[in-house]
Amino acid sequence: MAAVEERKAQQSQCTWDAAVAGCKAAVGALAVSWPAVYLANKNFTGFRTRLGISGKTALVVSPVFFMFFWSSEMKMHECTSKFYDNNNNNGKKVEEELF
């Protein structure tokens, strides 16, 4: 029974770490994408006239979503790998998975 509670705690910690890593990466992507689109809109007539508001919005939010999901997934993979390495000899696969 203690092993199940330990796995639940590990799962909860992995989820929290992944969410935090994703948010940090998303903020970094936003810090780059928003000023880039703003400056392109301000300085380039072709960008301003040929690209609508939805395209400009997509150019801002697409990197944010990508970095959030990619960083979260990488953190979950790292955490799951640590779980397998710590609980198995030589990283052998177990019958029950963490998630």
PDB file of N, CA and C in Angstrom:
ATOM      1  N   MET A   1       0.817  -1.196   0.000  1.00  0.00           N
ATOM      2  CA  MET A   1       0.000   0.000   0.000  1.00  0.00           C
ATOM      3  C   MET A   1       0.860   1.259   0.000  1.00  0.00           C
ATOM      4  N   ALA A   2       1.975   1.204   0.679  1.00  0.00           N
ATOM      5  CA  ALA A   2       2.855   2.366   0.721  1.00  0.00           C
ATOM      6  C   ALA A   2       3.451   2.641  -0.654  1.00  0.00           C
ATOM      7  N   ALA A   3       3.659   1.575  -1.436  1.00  0.00           N
ATOM      8  CA  ALA A   3       4.215   1.754  -2.777  1.00  0.00           C
ATOM      9  C   ALA A   3       3.241   2.503  -3.675  1.00  0.00           C
ATOM     10  N   VAL A   4       1.963   2.235  -3.518  1.00  0.00           N
ATOM     11  CA  VAL A   4       0.951   2.924  -4.328  1.00  0.00           C
ATOM     12  C   VAL A   4       0.908   4.403  -3.964  1.00  0.00           C
ATOM     13  N   GLU A   5       0.964   4.694  -2.674  1.00  0.00           N
ATOM     14  CA  GLU A   5       0.960   6.092  -2.235  1.00  0.00           C
ATOM     15  C   GLU A   5       2.228   6.805  -2.702  1.00  0.00           C
ATOM     16  N   GLU A   6       3.341   6.099  -2.684  1.00  0.00           N
ATOM     17  CA  GLU A   6       4.589   6.685  -3.165  1.00  0.00           C
ATOM     18  C   GLU A   6       4.508   6.978  -4.665  1.00  0.00           C
ATOM     19  N   ARG A   7       3.908   6.080  -5.414  1.00  0.00           N
ATOM     20  CA  ARG A   7       3.746   6.294  -6.858  1.00  0.00           C
ATOM     21  C   ARG A   7       2.812   7.465  -7.132  1.00  0.00           C
ATOM     22  N   LYS A   8       1.751   7.584  -6.351  1.00  0.00           N
ATOM     23  CA  LYS A   8       0.829   8.721  -6.524  1.00  0.00           C
ATOM     24  C   LYS A   8       1.539  10.041  -6.222  1.00  0.00           C
ATOM     25  N   ALA A   9       2.345  10.049  -5.179  1.00  0.00           N
ATOM     26  CA  ALA A   9       3.106  11.255  -4.844  1.00  0.00           C
ATOM     27  C   ALA A   9       4.104  11.580  -5.952  1.00  0.00           C
ATOM     28  N   GLN A  10       4.758  10.551  -6.490  1.00  0.00           N
ATOM     29  CA  GLN A  10       5.702  10.747  -7.593  1.00  0.00           C
ATOM     30  C   GLN A  10       4.975  11.292  -8.817  1.00  0.00           C
ATOM     31  N   GLN A  11       3.812  10.761  -9.105  1.00  0.00           N
ATOM     32  CA  GLN A  11       3.022  11.226 -10.248  1.00  0.00           C
ATOM     33  C   GLN A  11       2.611  12.683 -10.071  1.00  0.00           C
ATOM     34  N   SER A  12       2.180  13.026  -8.881  1.00  0.00           N
ATOM     35  CA  SER A  12       1.778  14.394  -8.596  1.00  0.00           C
ATOM     36  C   SER A  12       2.958  15.359  -8.728  1.00  0.00           C
ATOM     37  N   GLN A  13       4.101  14.957  -8.221  1.00  0.00           N
ATOM     38  CA  GLN A  13       5.293  15.795  -8.314  1.00  0.00           C
ATOM     39  C   GLN A  13       5.743  15.956  -9.766  1.00  0.00           C
ATOM     40  N   CYS A  14       5.691  14.881 -10.532  1.00  0.00           N
ATOM     41  CA  CYS A  14       6.073  14.953 -11.951  1.00  0.00           C
ATOM     42  C   CYS A  14       5.144  15.890 -12.711  1.00  0.00           C
ATOM     43  N   THR A  15       3.858  15.817 -12.439  1.00  0.00           N
ATOM     44  CA  THR A  15       2.889  16.674 -13.112  1.00  0.00           C
ATOM     45  C   THR A  15       3.136  18.135 -12.774  1.00  0.00           C
ATOM     46  N   TRP A  16       3.395  18.410 -11.506  1.00  0.00           N
ATOM     47  CA  TRP A  16       3.659  19.792 -11.092  1.00  0.00           C
ATOM     48  C   TRP A  16       4.943  20.321 -11.738  1.00  0.00           C
ATOM     49  N   ASP A  17       5.995  19.514 -11.726  1.00  0.00           N
ATOM     50  CA  ASP A  17       7.259  19.932 -12.329  1.00  0.00           C
ATOM     51  C   ASP A  17       7.100  20.193 -13.825  1.00  0.00           C
ATOM     52  N   ALA A  18       6.318  19.363 -14.493  1.00  0.00           N
ATOM     53  CA  ALA A  18       6.094  19.542 -15.929  1.00  0.00           C
ATOM     54  C   ALA A  18       5.317  20.824 -16.214  1.00  0.00           C
ATOM     55  N   ALA A  19       4.318  21.110 -15.394  1.00  0.00           N
ATOM     56  CA  ALA A  19       3.534  22.332 -15.588  1.00  0.00           C
ATOM     57  C   ALA A  19       4.392  23.576 -15.365  1.00  0.00           C
ATOM     58  N   VAL A  20       5.228  23.544 -14.356  1.00  0.00           N
ATOM     59  CA  VAL A  20       6.106  24.689 -14.079  1.00  0.00           C
ATOM     60  C   VAL A  20       7.115  24.876 -15.211  1.00  0.00           C
ATOM     61  N   ALA A  21       7.711  23.787 -15.669  1.00  0.00           N
ATOM     62  CA  ALA A  21       8.676  23.879 -16.769  1.00  0.00           C
ATOM     63  C   ALA A  21       8.009  24.402 -18.036  1.00  0.00           C
ATOM     64  N   GLY A  22       6.786  23.940 -18.297  1.00  0.00           N
ATOM     65  CA  GLY A  22       6.055  24.413 -19.467  1.00  0.00           C
ATOM     66  C   GLY A  22       5.721  25.889 -19.387  1.00  0.00           C
ATOM     67  N   CYS A  23       5.318  26.346 -18.214  1.00  0.00           N
ATOM     68  CA  CYS A  23       4.986  27.768 -18.047  1.00  0.00           C
ATOM     69  C   CYS A  23       6.216  28.649 -18.209  1.00  0.00           C
ATOM     70  N   LYS A  24       7.342  28.214 -17.674  1.00  0.00           N
ATOM     71  CA  LYS A  24       8.575  28.997 -17.829  1.00  0.00           C
ATOM     72  C   LYS A  24       8.973  29.098 -19.295  1.00  0.00           C
ATOM     73  N   ALA A  25       8.874  27.999 -20.012  1.00  0.00           N
ATOM     74  CA  ALA A  25       9.233  28.014 -21.435  1.00  0.00           C
ATOM     75  C   ALA A  25       8.249  28.856 -22.239  1.00  0.00           C
ATOM     76  N   ALA A  26       6.973  28.804 -21.881  1.00  0.00           N
ATOM     77  CA  ALA A  26       5.959  29.584 -22.595  1.00  0.00           C
ATOM     78  C   ALA A  26       6.179  31.073 -22.397  1.00  0.00           C
ATOM     79  N   VAL A  27       6.536  31.475 -21.201  1.00  0.00           N
ATOM     80  CA  VAL A  27       6.805  32.892 -20.940  1.00  0.00           C
ATOM     81  C   VAL A  27       8.023  33.349 -21.748  1.00  0.00           C
ATOM     82  N   GLY A  28       9.031  32.514 -21.832  1.00  0.00           N
ATOM     83  CA  GLY A  28      10.198  32.845 -22.642  1.00  0.00           C
ATOM     84  C   GLY A  28       9.851  32.988 -24.116  1.00  0.00           C
ATOM     85  N   ALA A  29       9.003  32.101 -24.625  1.00  0.00           N
ATOM     86  CA  ALA A  29       8.585  32.188 -26.026  1.00  0.00           C
ATOM     87  C   ALA A  29       7.753  33.437 -26.267  1.00  0.00           C
ATOM     88  N   LEU A  30       6.911  33.776 -25.311  1.00  0.00           N
ATOM     89  CA  LEU A  30       6.091  34.983 -25.441  1.00  0.00           C
ATOM     90  C   LEU A  30       6.971  36.231 -25.436  1.00  0.00           C
ATOM     91  N   ALA A  31       8.017  36.212 -24.633  1.00  0.00           N
ATOM     92  CA  ALA A  31       8.929  37.353 -24.556  1.00  0.00           C
ATOM     93  C   ALA A  31       9.668  37.588 -25.871  1.00  0.00           C
ATOM     94  N   VAL A  32       9.759  36.554 -26.700  1.00  0.00           N
ATOM     95  CA  VAL A  32      10.417  36.701 -27.995  1.00  0.00           C
ATOM     96  C   VAL A  32       9.400  36.949 -29.111  1.00  0.00           C
ATOM     97  N   SER A  33       8.315  36.186 -29.118  1.00  0.00           N
ATOM     98  CA  SER A  33       7.380  36.257 -30.246  1.00  0.00           C
ATOM     99  C   SER A  33       6.563  37.549 -30.265  1.00  0.00           C
ATOM    100  N   TRP A  34       6.117  38.017 -29.124  1.00  0.00           N
ATOM    101  CA  TRP A  34       5.293  39.231 -29.117  1.00  0.00           C
ATOM    102  C   TRP A  34       6.064  40.453 -29.609  1.00  0.00           C
ATOM    103  N   PRO A  35       7.259  40.738 -29.090  1.00  0.00           N
ATOM    104  CA  PRO A  35       7.991  41.895 -29.619  1.00  0.00           C
ATOM    105  C   PRO A  35       8.354  41.745 -31.100  1.00  0.00           C
ATOM    106  N   ALA A  36       8.636  40.521 -31.543  1.00  0.00           N
ATOM    107  CA  ALA A  36       8.985  40.316 -32.951  1.00  0.00           C
ATOM    108  C   ALA A  36       7.813  40.668 -33.861  1.00  0.00           C
ATOM    109  N   VAL A  37       6.619  40.214 -33.498  1.00  0.00           N
ATOM    110  CA  VAL A  37       5.444  40.529 -34.311  1.00  0.00           C
ATOM    111  C   VAL A  37       5.105  42.014 -34.202  1.00  0.00           C
ATOM    112  N   TYR A  38       5.243  42.578 -33.039  1.00  0.00           N
ATOM    113  CA  TYR A  38       4.962  44.003 -32.856  1.00  0.00           C
ATOM    114  C   TYR A  38       5.892  44.854 -33.722  1.00  0.00           C
ATOM    115  N   LEU A  39       7.178  44.547 -33.675  1.00  0.00           N
ATOM    116  CA  LEU A  39       8.140  45.322 -34.454  1.00  0.00           C
ATOM    117  C   LEU A  39       7.952  45.114 -35.958  1.00  0.00           C
ATOM    118  N   ALA A  40       7.647  43.885 -36.359  1.00  0.00           N
ATOM    119  CA  ALA A  40       7.391  43.638 -37.779  1.00  0.00           C
ATOM    120  C   ALA A  40       6.151  44.397 -38.238  1.00  0.00           C
ATOM    121  N   ASN A  41       5.130  44.426 -37.406  1.00  0.00           N
ATOM    122  CA  ASN A  41       3.905  45.155 -37.752  1.00  0.00           C
ATOM    123  C   ASN A  41       4.155  46.658 -37.835  1.00  0.00           C
ATOM    124  N   LYS A  42       5.003  47.150 -36.963  1.00  0.00           N
ATOM    125  CA  LYS A  42       5.287  48.582 -36.916  1.00  0.00           C
ATOM    126  C   LYS A  42       6.194  49.021 -38.061  1.00  0.00           C
ATOM    127  N   ASN A  43       7.174  48.204 -38.419  1.00  0.00           N
ATOM    128  CA  ASN A  43       8.218  48.640 -39.341  1.00  0.00           C
ATOM    129  C   ASN A  43       8.064  48.172 -40.784  1.00  0.00           C
ATOM    130  N   PHE A  44       7.288  47.128 -41.044  1.00  0.00           N
ATOM    131  CA  PHE A  44       7.201  46.584 -42.394  1.00  0.00           C
ATOM    132  C   PHE A  44       5.781  46.700 -42.932  1.00  0.00           C
ATOM    133  N   THR A  45       5.630  47.484 -43.973  1.00  0.00           N
ATOM    134  CA  THR A  45       4.311  47.718 -44.554  1.00  0.00           C
ATOM    135  C   THR A  45       3.704  46.428 -45.101  1.00  0.00           C
ATOM    136  N   GLY A  46       4.504  45.595 -45.736  1.00  0.00           N
ATOM    137  CA  GLY A  46       4.004  44.328 -46.270  1.00  0.00           C
ATOM    138  C   GLY A  46       3.446  43.425 -45.186  1.00  0.00           C
ATOM    139  N   PHE A  47       4.122  43.380 -44.077  1.00  0.00           N
ATOM    140  CA  PHE A  47       3.645  42.571 -42.948  1.00  0.00           C
ATOM    141  C   PHE A  47       2.331  43.128 -42.422  1.00  0.00           C
ATOM    142  N   ARG A  48       2.282  44.432 -42.309  1.00  0.00           N
ATOM    143  CA  ARG A  48       1.112  45.094 -41.746  1.00  0.00           C
ATOM    144  C   ARG A  48      -0.111  44.947 -42.657  1.00  0.00           C
ATOM    145  N   THR A  49       0.077  45.053 -43.975  1.00  0.00           N
ATOM    146  CA  THR A  49      -1.064  45.074 -44.887  1.00  0.00           C
ATOM    147  C   THR A  49      -1.465  43.702 -45.405  1.00  0.00           C
ATOM    148  N   ARG A  50      -0.548  42.787 -45.518  1.00  0.00           N
ATOM    149  CA  ARG A  50      -0.854  41.489 -46.120  1.00  0.00           C
ATOM    150  C   ARG A  50      -1.209  40.408 -45.127  1.00  0.00           C
ATOM    151  N   LEU A  51      -0.991  40.662 -43.867  1.00  0.00           N
ATOM    152  CA  LEU A  51      -1.292  39.656 -42.848  1.00  0.00           C
ATOM    153  C   LEU A  51      -2.380  40.192 -41.935  1.00  0.00           C
ATOM    154  N   GLY A  52      -3.457  39.416 -41.807  1.00  0.00           N
ATOM    155  CA  GLY A  52      -4.576  39.845 -40.976  1.00  0.00           C
ATOM    156  C   GLY A  52      -4.300  39.656 -39.497  1.00  0.00           C
ATOM    157  N   ILE A  53      -5.285  40.043 -38.710  1.00  0.00           N
ATOM    158  CA  ILE A  53      -5.129  39.955 -37.249  1.00  0.00           C
ATOM    159  C   ILE A  53      -5.001  38.503 -36.784  1.00  0.00           C
ATOM    160  N   SER A  54      -5.707  37.589 -37.457  1.00  0.00           N
ATOM    161  CA  SER A  54      -5.610  36.188 -37.043  1.00  0.00           C
ATOM    162  C   SER A  54      -4.217  35.621 -37.321  1.00  0.00           C
ATOM    163  N   GLY A  55      -3.612  36.017 -38.421  1.00  0.00           N
ATOM    164  CA  GLY A  55      -2.257  35.564 -38.717  1.00  0.00           C
ATOM    165  C   GLY A  55      -1.240  36.112 -37.743  1.00  0.00           C
ATOM    166  N   LYS A  56      -1.409  37.365 -37.381  1.00  0.00           N
ATOM    167  CA  LYS A  56      -0.493  37.973 -36.406  1.00  0.00           C
ATOM    168  C   LYS A  56      -0.662  37.329 -35.030  1.00  0.00           C
ATOM    169  N   THR A  57      -1.904  37.067 -34.682  1.00  0.00           N
ATOM    170  CA  THR A  57      -2.165  36.392 -33.401  1.00  0.00           C
ATOM    171  C   THR A  57      -1.546  35.003 -33.404  1.00  0.00           C
ATOM    172  N   ALA A  58      -1.694  34.287 -34.503  1.00  0.00           N
ATOM    173  CA  ALA A  58      -1.113  32.944 -34.598  1.00  0.00           C
ATOM    174  C   ALA A  58       0.407  32.984 -34.477  1.00  0.00           C
ATOM    175  N   LEU A  59       1.023  34.007 -35.056  1.00  0.00           N
ATOM    176  CA  LEU A  59       2.477  34.125 -34.951  1.00  0.00           C
ATOM    177  C   LEU A  59       2.944  34.394 -33.520  1.00  0.00           C
ATOM    178  N   VAL A  60       2.080  34.971 -32.717  1.00  0.00           N
ATOM    179  CA  VAL A  60       2.428  35.220 -31.319  1.00  0.00           C
ATOM    180  C   VAL A  60       2.176  33.982 -30.467  1.00  0.00           C
ATOM    181  N   VAL A  61       1.008  33.347 -30.602  1.00  0.00           N
ATOM    182  CA  VAL A  61       0.635  32.275 -29.673  1.00  0.00           C
ATOM    183  C   VAL A  61       1.158  30.894 -30.062  1.00  0.00           C
ATOM    184  N   SER A  62       1.441  30.657 -31.333  1.00  0.00           N
ATOM    185  CA  SER A  62       1.926  29.329 -31.733  1.00  0.00           C
ATOM    186  C   SER A  62       3.238  28.956 -31.047  1.00  0.00           C
ATOM    187  N   PRO A  63       4.244  29.834 -31.002  1.00  0.00           N
ATOM    188  CA  PRO A  63       5.465  29.469 -30.268  1.00  0.00           C
ATOM    189  C   PRO A  63       5.228  29.268 -28.771  1.00  0.00           C
ATOM    190  N   VAL A  64       4.292  30.010 -28.223  1.00  0.00           N
ATOM    191  CA  VAL A  64       3.990  29.878 -26.793  1.00  0.00           C
ATOM    192  C   VAL A  64       3.425  28.490 -26.503  1.00  0.00           C
ATOM    193  N   PHE A  65       2.427  28.078 -27.284  1.00  0.00           N
ATOM    194  CA  PHE A  65       1.840  26.750 -27.073  1.00  0.00           C
ATOM    195  C   PHE A  65       2.850  25.643 -27.352  1.00  0.00           C
ATOM    196  N   PHE A  66       3.619  25.803 -28.417  1.00  0.00           N
ATOM    197  CA  PHE A  66       4.619  24.792 -28.737  1.00  0.00           C
ATOM    198  C   PHE A  66       5.608  24.615 -27.585  1.00  0.00           C
ATOM    199  N   MET A  67       6.148  25.716 -27.085  1.00  0.00           N
ATOM    200  CA  MET A  67       7.145  25.609 -26.020  1.00  0.00           C
ATOM    201  C   MET A  67       6.551  25.052 -24.733  1.00  0.00           C
ATOM    202  N   PHE A  68       5.296  25.417 -24.431  1.00  0.00           N
ATOM    203  CA  PHE A  68       4.666  24.869 -23.235  1.00  0.00           C
ATOM    204  C   PHE A  68       4.552  23.351 -23.339  1.00  0.00           C
ATOM    205  N   PHE A  69       3.963  22.867 -24.430  1.00  0.00           N
ATOM    206  CA  PHE A  69       3.723  21.432 -24.550  1.00  0.00           C
ATOM    207  C   PHE A  69       5.015  20.649 -24.721  1.00  0.00           C
ATOM    208  N   TRP A  70       5.967  21.179 -25.476  1.00  0.00           N
ATOM    209  CA  TRP A  70       7.226  20.472 -25.677  1.00  0.00           C
ATOM    210  C   TRP A  70       8.014  20.380 -24.374  1.00  0.00           C
ATOM    211  N   SER A  71       8.118  21.480 -23.654  1.00  0.00           N
ATOM    212  CA  SER A  71       8.863  21.476 -22.386  1.00  0.00           C
ATOM    213  C   SER A  71       8.190  20.593 -21.350  1.00  0.00           C
ATOM    214  N   SER A  72       6.878  20.632 -21.302  1.00  0.00           N
ATOM    215  CA  SER A  72       6.149  19.777 -20.362  1.00  0.00           C
ATOM    216  C   SER A  72       6.389  18.304 -20.667  1.00  0.00           C
ATOM    217  N   GLU A  73       6.320  17.966 -21.935  1.00  0.00           N
ATOM    218  CA  GLU A  73       6.525  16.572 -22.332  1.00  0.00           C
ATOM    219  C   GLU A  73       7.946  16.116 -22.017  1.00  0.00           C
ATOM    220  N   MET A  74       8.924  16.961 -22.272  1.00  0.00           N
ATOM    221  CA  MET A  74      10.310  16.597 -21.971  1.00  0.00           C
ATOM    222  C   MET A  74      10.517  16.413 -20.467  1.00  0.00           C
ATOM    223  N   LYS A  75       9.880  17.257 -19.672  1.00  0.00           N
ATOM    224  CA  LYS A  75      10.002  17.133 -18.211  1.00  0.00           C
ATOM    225  C   LYS A  75       9.324  15.851 -17.715  1.00  0.00           C
ATOM    226  N   MET A  76       8.162  15.531 -18.284  1.00  0.00           N
ATOM    227  CA  MET A  76       7.487  14.286 -17.897  1.00  0.00           C
ATOM    228  C   MET A  76       8.328  13.074 -18.276  1.00  0.00           C
ATOM    229  N   HIS A  77       8.945  13.123 -19.441  1.00  0.00           N
ATOM    230  CA  HIS A  77       9.810  12.024 -19.871  1.00  0.00           C
ATOM    231  C   HIS A  77      11.003  11.879 -18.925  1.00  0.00           C
ATOM    232  N   GLU A  78      11.604  12.995 -18.568  1.00  0.00           N
ATOM    233  CA  GLU A  78      12.739  12.974 -17.639  1.00  0.00           C
ATOM    234  C   GLU A  78      12.333  12.397 -16.287  1.00  0.00           C
ATOM    235  N   CYS A  79      11.192  12.830 -15.792  1.00  0.00           N
ATOM    236  CA  CYS A  79      10.723  12.362 -14.485  1.00  0.00           C
ATOM    237  C   CYS A  79      10.391  10.869 -14.521  1.00  0.00           C
ATOM    238  N   THR A  80       9.732  10.436 -15.584  1.00  0.00           N
ATOM    239  CA  THR A  80       9.379   9.022 -15.709  1.00  0.00           C
ATOM    240  C   THR A  80      10.635   8.173 -15.836  1.00  0.00           C
ATOM    241  N   SER A  81      11.616   8.666 -16.563  1.00  0.00           N
ATOM    242  CA  SER A  81      12.873   7.929 -16.701  1.00  0.00           C
ATOM    243  C   SER A  81      13.576   7.792 -15.354  1.00  0.00           C
ATOM    244  N   LYS A  82      13.558   8.846 -14.554  1.00  0.00           N
ATOM    245  CA  LYS A  82      14.143   8.770 -13.211  1.00  0.00           C
ATOM    246  C   LYS A  82      13.417   7.735 -12.371  1.00  0.00           C
ATOM    247  N   PHE A  83      12.091   7.684 -12.503  1.00  0.00           N
ATOM    248  CA  PHE A  83      11.308   6.718 -11.738  1.00  0.00           C
ATOM    249  C   PHE A  83      11.706   5.302 -12.111  1.00  0.00           C
ATOM    250  N   TYR A  84      11.829   5.024 -13.405  1.00  0.00           N
ATOM    251  CA  TYR A  84      12.221   3.686 -13.834  1.00  0.00           C
ATOM    252  C   TYR A  84      13.642   3.359 -13.415  1.00  0.00           C
ATOM    253  N   ASP A  85      14.550   4.325 -13.532  1.00  0.00           N
ATOM    254  CA  ASP A  85      15.938   4.062 -13.167  1.00  0.00           C
ATOM    255  C   ASP A  85      16.090   3.816 -11.669  1.00  0.00           C
ATOM    256  N   ASN A  86      15.302   4.516 -10.852  1.00  0.00           N
ATOM    257  CA  ASN A  86      15.417   4.365  -9.404  1.00  0.00           C
ATOM    258  C   ASN A  86      14.761   3.087  -8.897  1.00  0.00           C
ATOM    259  N   ASN A  87      13.751   2.604  -9.583  1.00  0.00           N
ATOM    260  CA  ASN A  87      12.988   1.471  -9.067  1.00  0.00           C
ATOM    261  C   ASN A  87      13.267   0.162  -9.776  1.00  0.00           C
ATOM    262  N   ASN A  88      14.118   0.144 -10.756  1.00  0.00           N
ATOM    263  CA  ASN A  88      14.405  -1.075 -11.502  1.00  0.00           C
ATOM    264  C   ASN A  88      15.897  -1.257 -11.643  1.00  0.00           C
ATOM    265  N   ASN A  89      16.274  -2.507 -11.719  1.00  0.00           N
ATOM    266  CA  ASN A  89      17.683  -2.802 -11.957  1.00  0.00           C
ATOM    267  C   ASN A  89      17.981  -2.582 -13.433  1.00  0.00           C
ATOM    268  N   ASN A  90      18.941  -1.758 -13.716  1.00  0.00           N
ATOM    269  CA  ASN A  90      19.379  -1.467 -15.078  1.00  0.00           C
ATOM    270  C   ASN A  90      18.261  -0.929 -15.955  1.00  0.00           C
ATOM    271  N   GLY A  91      17.278  -0.280 -15.378  1.00  0.00           N
ATOM    272  CA  GLY A  91      16.220   0.339 -16.159  1.00  0.00           C
ATOM    273  C   GLY A  91      15.264  -0.647 -16.805  1.00  0.00           C
ATOM    274  N   LYS A  92      15.128  -1.864 -16.239  1.00  0.00           N
ATOM    275  CA  LYS A  92      14.218  -2.849 -16.826  1.00  0.00           C
ATOM    276  C   LYS A  92      12.785  -2.379 -16.707  1.00  0.00           C
ATOM    277  N   LYS A  93      11.997  -2.770 -17.666  1.00  0.00           N
ATOM    278  CA  LYS A  93      10.586  -2.382 -17.674  1.00  0.00           C
ATOM    279  C   LYS A  93       9.833  -3.160 -16.596  1.00  0.00           C
ATOM    280  N   VAL A  94       8.864  -2.515 -15.973  1.00  0.00           N
ATOM    281  CA  VAL A  94       8.075  -3.159 -14.930  1.00  0.00           C
ATOM    282  C   VAL A  94       6.686  -3.454 -15.460  1.00  0.00           C
ATOM    283  N   GLU A  95       5.969  -4.259 -14.729  1.00  0.00           N
ATOM    284  CA  GLU A  95       4.596  -4.616 -15.129  1.00  0.00           C
ATOM    285  C   GLU A  95       3.671  -3.420 -15.078  1.00  0.00           C
ATOM    286  N   GLU A  96       3.775  -2.620 -14.039  1.00  0.00           N
ATOM    287  CA  GLU A  96       2.898  -1.465 -13.880  1.00  0.00           C
ATOM    288  C   GLU A  96       3.662  -0.201 -14.235  1.00  0.00           C
ATOM    289  N   GLU A  97       3.003   0.673 -14.968  1.00  0.00           N
ATOM    290  CA  GLU A  97       3.631   1.922 -15.336  1.00  0.00           C
ATOM    291  C   GLU A  97       3.275   3.001 -14.326  1.00  0.00           C
ATOM    292  N   LEU A  98       4.026   4.096 -14.374  1.00  0.00           N
ATOM    293  CA  LEU A  98       3.776   5.202 -13.441  1.00  0.00           C
ATOM    294  C   LEU A  98       2.454   5.862 -13.731  1.00  0.00           C
ATOM    295  N   PHE A  99       2.114   6.035 -14.980  1.00  0.00           N
ATOM    296  CA  PHE A  99       0.891   6.762 -15.336  1.00  0.00           C
ATOM    297  C   PHE A  99      -0.074   5.852 -16.032  1.00  0.00           C
TER     298      PHE A  99
END
